[in-house]
Amino acid sequence: MDGRGWKPEYGISPEGLEMLGYVEALPRDVRRELAEAIATLCRREGYLSLHDDVNDRMPSPAPAEETALAKVIPLFRRSQRG
């Protein structure tokens, strides 16, 4: 933690931390309205948030890749699993 409640490994920039200080000072309903407006703008421009699942944005594999299974040698039979 950096003393302000944020972990540096989360990748929040100094500018982001500065903005959060102002946003947190706003009333709850104004924060919600602002967050919705920012989310709409960012999604329209193709930006992801820290909360978005990147897998949702990745293209689906081609049908041939989807059905091709790897050939593996099973190490255990079902009855041996423990």
Protein backbone atom coordinates (compact mmCIF):
# COMPACT_ATOMS: atom_id res chain seq x y z
CA MET A 1 0.00 0.00 0.00
CA ASP A 2 1.18 3.51 -0.67
CA GLY A 3 -0.33 5.07 2.45
CA ARG A 4 -3.46 6.15 0.61
CA GLY A 5 -5.13 2.76 0.40
CA TRP A 6 -3.96 1.87 -3.13
CA LYS A 7 -1.60 -0.91 -4.08
CA PRO A 8 1.00 0.28 -6.64
CA GLU A 9 0.82 -3.05 -8.51
CA TYR A 10 -2.78 -2.21 -9.51
CA GLY A 11 -1.35 0.27 -11.99
CA ILE A 12 -3.20 3.39 -10.88
CA SER A 13 -1.25 6.40 -12.13
CA PRO A 14 -0.46 9.46 -10.02
CA GLU A 15 -3.00 11.38 -12.14
CA GLY A 16 -5.60 8.72 -11.40
CA LEU A 17 -4.96 8.99 -7.69
CA GLU A 18 -5.29 12.77 -7.87
CA MET A 19 -8.61 12.50 -9.73
CA LEU A 20 -9.92 9.94 -7.22
CA GLY A 21 -9.31 12.39 -4.41
CA TYR A 22 -11.68 14.87 -6.05
CA VAL A 23 -14.22 12.28 -7.12
CA GLU A 24 -14.47 10.83 -3.61
CA ALA A 25 -15.32 14.31 -2.29
CA LEU A 26 -18.47 14.42 -4.45
CA PRO A 27 -21.88 13.24 -3.24
CA ARG A 28 -22.67 9.59 -3.99
CA ASP A 29 -25.31 10.30 -6.65
CA VAL A 30 -22.95 12.66 -8.49
CA ARG A 31 -20.14 10.07 -8.34
CA ARG A 32 -22.49 7.45 -9.82
CA GLU A 33 -23.58 9.79 -12.63
CA LEU A 34 -19.97 10.73 -13.37
CA ALA A 35 -18.86 7.07 -13.39
CA GLU A 36 -21.64 6.14 -15.83
CA ALA A 37 -20.74 9.02 -18.15
CA ILE A 38 -17.04 8.10 -18.10
CA ALA A 39 -17.83 4.40 -18.68
CA THR A 40 -20.00 5.26 -21.68
CA LEU A 41 -17.32 7.48 -23.19
CA CYS A 42 -14.53 4.95 -22.60
CA ARG A 43 -16.48 2.01 -24.01
CA ARG A 44 -17.43 4.04 -27.08
CA GLU A 45 -13.74 4.82 -27.65
CA GLY A 46 -12.69 1.20 -27.02
CA TYR A 47 -10.92 1.66 -23.68
CA LEU A 48 -11.03 -0.97 -20.94
CA SER A 49 -11.31 -0.34 -17.23
CA LEU A 50 -9.50 -2.12 -14.41
CA HIS A 51 -12.74 -4.05 -13.85
CA ASP A 52 -13.30 -5.28 -17.41
CA ASP A 53 -12.64 -8.90 -18.24
CA VAL A 54 -10.13 -8.86 -21.10
CA ASN A 55 -11.32 -12.32 -22.20
CA ASP A 56 -14.67 -10.77 -23.15
CA ARG A 57 -12.86 -8.48 -25.60
CA MET A 58 -10.72 -11.16 -27.26
CA PRO A 59 -11.90 -12.61 -30.58
CA SER A 60 -13.34 -16.11 -30.48
CA PRO A 61 -11.16 -18.89 -31.88
CA ALA A 62 -11.93 -20.14 -35.36
CA PRO A 63 -14.34 -23.13 -35.41
CA ALA A 64 -11.54 -25.53 -36.48
CA GLU A 65 -9.39 -24.45 -33.53
CA GLU A 66 -12.30 -24.78 -31.14
CA THR A 67 -13.01 -28.43 -31.95
CA ALA A 68 -9.40 -29.64 -32.24
CA LEU A 69 -8.52 -31.41 -29.01
CA ALA A 70 -5.02 -32.11 -27.84
CA LYS A 71 -3.87 -35.72 -27.77
CA VAL A 72 -2.82 -36.55 -24.23
CA ILE A 73 -1.86 -39.66 -22.34
CA PRO A 74 -3.98 -39.97 -19.19
CA LEU A 75 -1.89 -40.51 -16.08
CA PHE A 76 -4.70 -41.86 -13.95
CA ARG A 77 -7.90 -43.71 -14.52
CA ARG A 78 -11.01 -42.15 -13.07
CA SER A 79 -11.18 -44.75 -10.32
CA GLN A 80 -7.62 -43.96 -9.19
CA ARG A 81 -8.18 -40.26 -8.58
CA GLY A 82 -8.22 -39.41 -5.04
